[in-house]
N, C-alpha and C. Protein backbone atom coordinates (compact mmCIF):
# COMPACT_ATOMS: atom_id res chain seq x y z
N MET A 1 7.90 -0.93 -18.91
CA MET A 1 7.68 -0.60 -17.51
C MET A 1 8.86 -1.11 -16.71
N THR A 2 9.34 -0.29 -15.79
CA THR A 2 10.45 -0.67 -14.93
C THR A 2 10.08 -0.41 -13.47
N ILE A 3 10.67 -1.19 -12.58
CA ILE A 3 10.54 -0.97 -11.15
C ILE A 3 11.86 -0.39 -10.68
N ARG A 4 11.80 0.71 -9.96
CA ARG A 4 13.02 1.36 -9.48
C ARG A 4 12.79 1.87 -8.07
N PRO A 5 13.90 2.19 -7.37
CA PRO A 5 13.75 2.76 -6.02
C PRO A 5 12.99 4.08 -6.05
N PHE A 6 12.21 4.30 -5.03
CA PHE A 6 11.51 5.56 -4.83
C PHE A 6 12.52 6.69 -4.67
N GLN A 7 12.22 7.83 -5.23
CA GLN A 7 13.01 9.05 -5.06
C GLN A 7 12.07 10.14 -4.52
N PRO A 8 12.58 11.07 -3.72
CA PRO A 8 11.71 12.13 -3.18
C PRO A 8 10.92 12.86 -4.26
N ARG A 9 11.48 12.99 -5.46
CA ARG A 9 10.76 13.68 -6.54
C ARG A 9 9.49 12.93 -6.97
N ASP A 10 9.36 11.65 -6.58
CA ASP A 10 8.20 10.84 -6.93
C ASP A 10 7.01 11.08 -6.00
N LEU A 11 7.24 11.76 -4.89
CA LEU A 11 6.22 11.82 -3.84
C LEU A 11 4.89 12.39 -4.31
N ASP A 12 4.88 13.48 -5.03
CA ASP A 12 3.60 14.06 -5.46
C ASP A 12 2.80 13.09 -6.30
N ARG A 13 3.46 12.39 -7.21
CA ARG A 13 2.77 11.42 -8.06
C ARG A 13 2.28 10.23 -7.24
N VAL A 14 3.11 9.76 -6.31
CA VAL A 14 2.72 8.65 -5.43
C VAL A 14 1.47 9.03 -4.63
N LEU A 15 1.44 10.24 -4.10
CA LEU A 15 0.27 10.68 -3.33
C LEU A 15 -0.96 10.81 -4.21
N ALA A 16 -0.80 11.25 -5.44
CA ALA A 16 -1.94 11.33 -6.36
C ALA A 16 -2.48 9.94 -6.66
N ILE A 17 -1.61 8.98 -6.87
CA ILE A 17 -2.04 7.59 -7.10
C ILE A 17 -2.76 7.07 -5.87
N THR A 18 -2.28 7.42 -4.70
CA THR A 18 -2.91 6.99 -3.45
C THR A 18 -4.36 7.45 -3.40
N VAL A 19 -4.58 8.72 -3.64
CA VAL A 19 -5.92 9.28 -3.58
C VAL A 19 -6.82 8.67 -4.65
N ASP A 20 -6.27 8.42 -5.84
CA ASP A 20 -7.06 7.84 -6.93
C ASP A 20 -7.36 6.36 -6.73
N SER A 21 -6.56 5.69 -5.91
CA SER A 21 -6.64 4.23 -5.84
C SER A 21 -7.33 3.67 -4.61
N PHE A 22 -7.21 4.31 -3.47
CA PHE A 22 -7.64 3.68 -2.22
C PHE A 22 -9.11 3.91 -1.88
N GLY A 23 -9.81 4.73 -2.62
CA GLY A 23 -11.20 5.02 -2.28
C GLY A 23 -12.06 3.81 -2.00
N PRO A 24 -12.13 2.86 -2.91
CA PRO A 24 -13.01 1.70 -2.68
C PRO A 24 -12.50 0.72 -1.63
N VAL A 25 -11.25 0.88 -1.20
CA VAL A 25 -10.65 -0.13 -0.31
C VAL A 25 -9.95 0.51 0.88
N SER A 26 -10.52 1.56 1.42
CA SER A 26 -9.90 2.30 2.52
C SER A 26 -10.75 2.21 3.77
N ILE A 27 -10.14 1.83 4.87
CA ILE A 27 -10.83 1.84 6.15
C ILE A 27 -11.25 3.27 6.48
N ASP A 28 -10.37 4.23 6.25
CA ASP A 28 -10.71 5.62 6.54
C ASP A 28 -11.90 6.11 5.71
N ARG A 29 -11.99 5.65 4.47
CA ARG A 29 -13.16 6.05 3.67
C ARG A 29 -14.42 5.41 4.24
N ASN A 30 -14.32 4.14 4.68
CA ASN A 30 -15.47 3.49 5.30
C ASN A 30 -15.94 4.29 6.53
N ILE A 31 -14.98 4.75 7.32
CA ILE A 31 -15.31 5.56 8.51
C ILE A 31 -16.02 6.83 8.08
N GLU A 32 -15.46 7.50 7.08
CA GLU A 32 -16.03 8.76 6.62
C GLU A 32 -17.44 8.57 6.05
N GLU A 33 -17.66 7.49 5.34
CA GLU A 33 -18.99 7.23 4.79
C GLU A 33 -20.01 7.00 5.90
N ARG A 34 -19.57 6.41 6.99
CA ARG A 34 -20.47 6.11 8.10
C ARG A 34 -20.70 7.30 9.02
N PHE A 35 -19.61 8.04 9.32
CA PHE A 35 -19.67 9.08 10.35
C PHE A 35 -19.40 10.50 9.85
N GLY A 36 -18.95 10.63 8.63
CA GLY A 36 -18.57 11.95 8.13
C GLY A 36 -17.08 12.18 8.31
N GLU A 37 -16.62 13.33 7.89
CA GLU A 37 -15.20 13.68 7.98
C GLU A 37 -14.75 13.70 9.44
N VAL A 38 -13.55 13.21 9.68
CA VAL A 38 -13.01 13.10 11.03
C VAL A 38 -11.89 14.12 11.23
N GLY A 39 -12.00 14.91 12.27
CA GLY A 39 -10.92 15.83 12.65
C GLY A 39 -10.57 16.87 11.62
N GLY A 40 -11.50 17.19 10.75
CA GLY A 40 -11.23 18.22 9.76
C GLY A 40 -10.34 17.77 8.62
N ALA A 41 -10.07 16.46 8.53
CA ALA A 41 -9.24 15.93 7.44
C ALA A 41 -10.00 14.82 6.72
N SER A 42 -9.97 14.86 5.41
CA SER A 42 -10.65 13.84 4.62
C SER A 42 -9.88 12.52 4.67
N TRP A 43 -10.54 11.44 4.28
CA TRP A 43 -9.84 10.14 4.23
C TRP A 43 -8.64 10.22 3.29
N GLN A 44 -8.79 11.00 2.20
CA GLN A 44 -7.68 11.15 1.26
C GLN A 44 -6.46 11.78 1.93
N GLU A 45 -6.71 12.82 2.72
CA GLU A 45 -5.60 13.48 3.41
C GLU A 45 -4.95 12.55 4.42
N ARG A 46 -5.76 11.79 5.15
CA ARG A 46 -5.20 10.86 6.15
C ARG A 46 -4.41 9.75 5.48
N LYS A 47 -4.92 9.19 4.40
CA LYS A 47 -4.21 8.10 3.70
C LYS A 47 -2.93 8.63 3.07
N ALA A 48 -2.99 9.80 2.47
CA ALA A 48 -1.78 10.39 1.87
C ALA A 48 -0.73 10.64 2.94
N LEU A 49 -1.14 11.06 4.12
CA LEU A 49 -0.19 11.27 5.21
C LEU A 49 0.47 9.96 5.63
N ASP A 50 -0.31 8.87 5.68
CA ASP A 50 0.26 7.56 5.99
C ASP A 50 1.34 7.17 4.98
N VAL A 51 1.05 7.36 3.72
CA VAL A 51 2.00 6.99 2.67
C VAL A 51 3.23 7.89 2.73
N ARG A 52 3.02 9.18 2.94
CA ARG A 52 4.15 10.12 3.08
C ARG A 52 5.05 9.65 4.23
N ARG A 53 4.46 9.26 5.34
CA ARG A 53 5.25 8.79 6.49
C ARG A 53 6.05 7.54 6.12
N ASP A 54 5.44 6.63 5.37
CA ASP A 54 6.17 5.42 4.93
C ASP A 54 7.40 5.80 4.12
N THR A 55 7.23 6.74 3.19
CA THR A 55 8.35 7.10 2.32
C THR A 55 9.43 7.85 3.08
N GLU A 56 9.06 8.55 4.12
CA GLU A 56 10.05 9.26 4.93
C GLU A 56 10.76 8.33 5.91
N ALA A 57 10.01 7.40 6.49
CA ALA A 57 10.57 6.53 7.52
C ALA A 57 11.49 5.46 6.95
N PHE A 58 11.17 4.94 5.76
CA PHE A 58 11.95 3.83 5.21
C PHE A 58 12.00 3.95 3.68
N PRO A 59 12.60 5.03 3.16
CA PRO A 59 12.59 5.24 1.71
C PRO A 59 13.27 4.13 0.92
N GLU A 60 14.28 3.48 1.51
CA GLU A 60 14.97 2.42 0.78
C GLU A 60 14.09 1.20 0.56
N GLY A 61 12.97 1.11 1.28
CA GLY A 61 12.03 0.01 1.10
C GLY A 61 10.83 0.38 0.26
N CYS A 62 10.89 1.51 -0.41
CA CYS A 62 9.79 1.97 -1.28
C CYS A 62 10.25 1.89 -2.73
N PHE A 63 9.36 1.43 -3.58
CA PHE A 63 9.67 1.26 -5.00
C PHE A 63 8.53 1.81 -5.83
N VAL A 64 8.87 2.28 -7.02
CA VAL A 64 7.85 2.77 -7.95
C VAL A 64 7.93 2.01 -9.27
N ALA A 65 6.79 1.92 -9.91
CA ALA A 65 6.73 1.40 -11.27
C ALA A 65 6.67 2.61 -12.18
N GLU A 66 7.51 2.61 -13.18
CA GLU A 66 7.59 3.73 -14.10
C GLU A 66 7.34 3.22 -15.51
N ASP A 67 6.47 3.91 -16.21
CA ASP A 67 6.16 3.57 -17.59
C ASP A 67 6.34 4.80 -18.45
N ASP A 68 7.27 4.74 -19.38
CA ASP A 68 7.53 5.86 -20.29
C ASP A 68 7.78 7.16 -19.51
N GLY A 69 8.56 7.05 -18.42
CA GLY A 69 8.93 8.22 -17.64
C GLY A 69 7.91 8.67 -16.61
N GLU A 70 6.76 8.00 -16.53
CA GLU A 70 5.71 8.38 -15.59
C GLU A 70 5.58 7.32 -14.51
N VAL A 71 5.51 7.76 -13.25
CA VAL A 71 5.25 6.83 -12.14
C VAL A 71 3.78 6.40 -12.24
N VAL A 72 3.57 5.08 -12.32
CA VAL A 72 2.22 4.54 -12.49
C VAL A 72 1.80 3.63 -11.33
N GLY A 73 2.71 3.40 -10.38
CA GLY A 73 2.38 2.58 -9.23
C GLY A 73 3.49 2.64 -8.22
N TYR A 74 3.22 2.15 -7.01
CA TYR A 74 4.23 2.15 -5.96
C TYR A 74 3.92 1.08 -4.93
N ILE A 75 4.93 0.78 -4.13
CA ILE A 75 4.79 -0.14 -3.01
C ILE A 75 5.69 0.37 -1.88
N THR A 76 5.23 0.25 -0.65
CA THR A 76 6.04 0.61 0.50
C THR A 76 6.24 -0.64 1.36
N THR A 77 7.35 -0.67 2.08
CA THR A 77 7.64 -1.80 2.95
C THR A 77 8.12 -1.31 4.30
N VAL A 78 8.01 -2.20 5.27
CA VAL A 78 8.50 -1.99 6.62
C VAL A 78 9.16 -3.30 7.03
N ILE A 79 10.28 -3.20 7.74
CA ILE A 79 10.98 -4.40 8.17
C ILE A 79 11.09 -4.44 9.69
N ASN A 80 10.74 -5.57 10.26
CA ASN A 80 11.01 -5.87 11.66
C ASN A 80 12.17 -6.86 11.64
N GLN A 81 13.38 -6.34 11.75
CA GLN A 81 14.57 -7.16 11.62
C GLN A 81 14.65 -8.20 12.73
N HIS A 82 14.25 -7.83 13.94
CA HIS A 82 14.31 -8.75 15.07
C HIS A 82 13.43 -9.99 14.80
N ALA A 83 12.23 -9.75 14.31
CA ALA A 83 11.31 -10.86 14.01
C ALA A 83 11.57 -11.47 12.64
N ARG A 84 12.38 -10.78 11.83
CA ARG A 84 12.68 -11.20 10.46
C ARG A 84 11.41 -11.26 9.60
N ILE A 85 10.57 -10.23 9.79
CA ILE A 85 9.32 -10.14 9.03
C ILE A 85 9.29 -8.82 8.26
N GLY A 86 8.98 -8.92 6.98
CA GLY A 86 8.75 -7.74 6.16
C GLY A 86 7.26 -7.56 5.96
N ARG A 87 6.83 -6.32 5.96
CA ARG A 87 5.41 -6.01 5.79
C ARG A 87 5.24 -5.02 4.65
N ILE A 88 4.19 -5.21 3.90
CA ILE A 88 3.83 -4.30 2.81
C ILE A 88 2.59 -3.52 3.25
N PRO A 89 2.76 -2.27 3.71
CA PRO A 89 1.60 -1.51 4.16
C PRO A 89 0.81 -0.85 3.03
N ASN A 90 1.48 -0.53 1.92
CA ASN A 90 0.78 0.18 0.84
C ASN A 90 1.25 -0.28 -0.52
N LEU A 91 0.28 -0.51 -1.38
CA LEU A 91 0.51 -0.90 -2.77
C LEU A 91 -0.61 -0.27 -3.58
N ALA A 92 -0.25 0.47 -4.62
CA ALA A 92 -1.29 1.10 -5.44
C ALA A 92 -0.79 1.27 -6.87
N VAL A 93 -1.72 1.12 -7.80
CA VAL A 93 -1.45 1.33 -9.22
C VAL A 93 -2.48 2.31 -9.75
N ASP A 94 -2.01 3.25 -10.54
CA ASP A 94 -2.89 4.23 -11.17
C ASP A 94 -4.03 3.48 -11.88
N PRO A 95 -5.27 3.91 -11.67
CA PRO A 95 -6.40 3.21 -12.29
C PRO A 95 -6.28 3.05 -13.81
N GLU A 96 -5.64 4.00 -14.48
CA GLU A 96 -5.48 3.93 -15.93
C GLU A 96 -4.48 2.86 -16.37
N HIS A 97 -3.69 2.32 -15.43
CA HIS A 97 -2.63 1.37 -15.76
C HIS A 97 -2.84 0.00 -15.11
N ARG A 98 -4.02 -0.26 -14.63
CA ARG A 98 -4.29 -1.54 -13.97
C ARG A 98 -4.42 -2.67 -14.99
N ARG A 99 -4.31 -3.88 -14.46
CA ARG A 99 -4.46 -5.12 -15.24
C ARG A 99 -3.36 -5.25 -16.29
N GLN A 100 -2.16 -4.74 -15.95
CA GLN A 100 -1.01 -4.85 -16.84
C GLN A 100 0.17 -5.53 -16.14
N GLY A 101 -0.07 -6.09 -14.95
CA GLY A 101 0.98 -6.77 -14.23
C GLY A 101 1.84 -5.88 -13.36
N ILE A 102 1.44 -4.63 -13.20
CA ILE A 102 2.25 -3.68 -12.44
C ILE A 102 2.25 -4.03 -10.95
N ALA A 103 1.09 -4.31 -10.39
CA ALA A 103 1.03 -4.68 -8.97
C ALA A 103 1.86 -5.93 -8.72
N ALA A 104 1.76 -6.90 -9.61
CA ALA A 104 2.54 -8.13 -9.46
C ALA A 104 4.03 -7.84 -9.51
N ALA A 105 4.45 -6.97 -10.40
CA ALA A 105 5.87 -6.63 -10.50
C ALA A 105 6.34 -5.92 -9.23
N LEU A 106 5.51 -5.05 -8.67
CA LEU A 106 5.87 -4.35 -7.44
C LEU A 106 5.96 -5.33 -6.26
N ILE A 107 5.01 -6.24 -6.15
CA ILE A 107 5.07 -7.24 -5.08
C ILE A 107 6.32 -8.10 -5.25
N GLY A 108 6.60 -8.49 -6.48
CA GLY A 108 7.80 -9.28 -6.74
C GLY A 108 9.05 -8.56 -6.29
N ARG A 109 9.12 -7.27 -6.52
CA ARG A 109 10.30 -6.50 -6.10
C ARG A 109 10.38 -6.42 -4.58
N ALA A 110 9.25 -6.22 -3.92
CA ALA A 110 9.23 -6.17 -2.46
C ALA A 110 9.68 -7.52 -1.88
N MET A 111 9.21 -8.60 -2.45
CA MET A 111 9.60 -9.93 -1.97
C MET A 111 11.10 -10.15 -2.17
N GLU A 112 11.63 -9.71 -3.28
CA GLU A 112 13.07 -9.79 -3.53
C GLU A 112 13.83 -8.97 -2.49
N PHE A 113 13.34 -7.77 -2.21
CA PHE A 113 13.94 -6.89 -1.21
C PHE A 113 13.98 -7.59 0.16
N PHE A 114 12.89 -8.25 0.53
CA PHE A 114 12.84 -8.97 1.80
C PHE A 114 13.85 -10.13 1.81
N ARG A 115 13.91 -10.86 0.70
CA ARG A 115 14.85 -11.98 0.63
C ARG A 115 16.30 -11.50 0.71
N GLU A 116 16.60 -10.39 0.06
CA GLU A 116 17.95 -9.82 0.12
C GLU A 116 18.36 -9.52 1.56
N ARG A 117 17.39 -9.22 2.39
CA ARG A 117 17.65 -8.91 3.80
C ARG A 117 17.49 -10.12 4.69
N GLN A 118 17.35 -11.28 4.09
CA GLN A 118 17.27 -12.57 4.77
C GLN A 118 16.13 -12.63 5.79
N LEU A 119 15.00 -12.07 5.40
CA LEU A 119 13.82 -12.15 6.26
C LEU A 119 13.17 -13.52 6.11
N ALA A 120 12.41 -13.90 7.11
CA ALA A 120 11.78 -15.22 7.12
C ALA A 120 10.35 -15.20 6.58
N MET A 121 9.66 -14.08 6.74
CA MET A 121 8.25 -13.98 6.36
C MET A 121 7.96 -12.62 5.75
N ALA A 122 6.92 -12.60 4.95
CA ALA A 122 6.39 -11.36 4.40
C ALA A 122 4.91 -11.30 4.76
N LYS A 123 4.43 -10.11 5.12
CA LYS A 123 3.02 -9.91 5.47
C LYS A 123 2.42 -8.84 4.59
N ILE A 124 1.16 -9.05 4.28
CA ILE A 124 0.37 -8.04 3.57
C ILE A 124 -1.07 -8.24 4.01
N GLU A 125 -1.85 -7.19 4.00
CA GLU A 125 -3.24 -7.32 4.39
C GLU A 125 -4.12 -6.61 3.38
N THR A 126 -5.38 -6.99 3.40
CA THR A 126 -6.34 -6.37 2.50
C THR A 126 -7.71 -6.40 3.15
N LEU A 127 -8.62 -5.63 2.63
CA LEU A 127 -10.00 -5.65 3.11
C LEU A 127 -10.80 -6.67 2.32
N VAL A 128 -11.83 -7.19 2.93
CA VAL A 128 -12.71 -8.14 2.25
C VAL A 128 -13.26 -7.52 0.98
N GLN A 129 -13.50 -6.22 0.99
CA GLN A 129 -14.08 -5.54 -0.17
C GLN A 129 -13.07 -5.38 -1.32
N ASN A 130 -11.81 -5.73 -1.10
CA ASN A 130 -10.78 -5.62 -2.15
C ASN A 130 -10.55 -7.00 -2.78
N GLU A 131 -11.51 -7.43 -3.55
CA GLU A 131 -11.47 -8.78 -4.12
C GLU A 131 -10.28 -9.03 -5.06
N PRO A 132 -9.86 -8.08 -5.90
CA PRO A 132 -8.73 -8.38 -6.78
C PRO A 132 -7.46 -8.78 -6.03
N THR A 133 -7.21 -8.15 -4.88
CA THR A 133 -6.00 -8.51 -4.15
C THR A 133 -6.09 -9.90 -3.54
N GLN A 134 -7.29 -10.35 -3.25
CA GLN A 134 -7.46 -11.69 -2.70
C GLN A 134 -7.13 -12.76 -3.73
N LEU A 135 -7.13 -12.41 -4.98
CA LEU A 135 -6.69 -13.31 -6.04
C LEU A 135 -5.20 -13.15 -6.32
N LEU A 136 -4.70 -11.94 -6.17
CA LEU A 136 -3.30 -11.65 -6.48
C LEU A 136 -2.33 -12.18 -5.42
N TYR A 137 -2.58 -11.90 -4.18
CA TYR A 137 -1.60 -12.19 -3.14
C TYR A 137 -1.23 -13.68 -3.04
N PRO A 138 -2.19 -14.60 -3.15
CA PRO A 138 -1.80 -16.01 -3.08
C PRO A 138 -0.82 -16.43 -4.19
N ARG A 139 -0.79 -15.73 -5.30
CA ARG A 139 0.16 -16.05 -6.37
C ARG A 139 1.61 -15.88 -5.91
N PHE A 140 1.81 -15.13 -4.83
CA PHE A 140 3.16 -14.90 -4.31
C PHE A 140 3.42 -15.72 -3.05
N GLY A 141 2.54 -16.66 -2.76
CA GLY A 141 2.73 -17.53 -1.61
C GLY A 141 2.06 -17.05 -0.34
N PHE A 142 1.37 -15.92 -0.40
CA PHE A 142 0.65 -15.45 0.77
C PHE A 142 -0.55 -16.36 1.03
N VAL A 143 -0.76 -16.70 2.29
CA VAL A 143 -1.93 -17.48 2.68
C VAL A 143 -2.69 -16.70 3.75
N GLU A 144 -4.00 -16.78 3.70
CA GLU A 144 -4.81 -16.10 4.71
C GLU A 144 -4.62 -16.79 6.05
N ILE A 145 -4.32 -15.99 7.07
CA ILE A 145 -4.14 -16.57 8.40
C ILE A 145 -5.15 -16.04 9.41
N ALA A 146 -5.82 -14.93 9.11
CA ALA A 146 -6.80 -14.38 10.04
C ALA A 146 -7.64 -13.34 9.33
N ARG A 147 -8.80 -13.07 9.90
CA ARG A 147 -9.63 -11.95 9.47
C ARG A 147 -9.81 -11.05 10.68
N GLN A 148 -9.86 -9.77 10.43
CA GLN A 148 -9.94 -8.80 11.52
C GLN A 148 -11.16 -7.91 11.28
N ILE A 149 -11.82 -7.55 12.34
CA ILE A 149 -12.96 -6.64 12.26
C ILE A 149 -12.53 -5.29 12.84
N HIS A 150 -12.76 -4.23 12.10
CA HIS A 150 -12.42 -2.88 12.56
C HIS A 150 -13.67 -2.23 13.12
N TYR A 151 -13.59 -1.80 14.36
CA TYR A 151 -14.67 -1.09 15.01
C TYR A 151 -14.27 0.38 15.18
N VAL A 152 -15.22 1.26 15.12
CA VAL A 152 -14.98 2.68 15.33
C VAL A 152 -16.08 3.20 16.25
N ALA A 153 -15.70 4.00 17.23
CA ALA A 153 -16.67 4.61 18.14
C ALA A 153 -16.45 6.11 18.17
N PRO A 154 -17.45 6.89 17.79
CA PRO A 154 -17.32 8.34 17.90
C PRO A 154 -17.18 8.73 19.39
N LEU A 155 -16.33 9.70 19.65
CA LEU A 155 -16.07 10.10 21.04
C LEU A 155 -16.76 11.40 21.43
N ASP A 156 -17.37 12.09 20.48
CA ASP A 156 -18.10 13.30 20.84
C ASP A 156 -19.57 12.96 20.98
N GLU A 157 -20.24 13.71 21.82
CA GLU A 157 -21.66 13.44 22.10
C GLU A 157 -22.53 13.97 21.02
């Protein structure tokens, strides 16, 4: 398994991994389960659009894990150079390739990327329902600093 820079040809596979991976840990899925589909787009479509935007806005900060020629995971990053903070908005590993150290390797590469740019801090967030990440992130020095509650209010009568 190798970690390499994201290439536009990886996008379809990255989006497929997104849809396969974020179901149990997606705010948009939680919304859809509670209120139904929003705006004619499924949670999968909305999440895939978010990831597509990440890869378009900052492709040099996106990396993929490749195993035997197949993309099996990815990570996206965003940098606030003024604040010297790097953020990891998306990290996903194909369900068939989990528990092999791929997520850890991707986080390690993102942290290296941040250090190369002389950033002071790295941020990542997760949902309470995503218990595996709550064990993984502290291994990289992440410490919990806050919990956030997401509220949603339907606007149609």
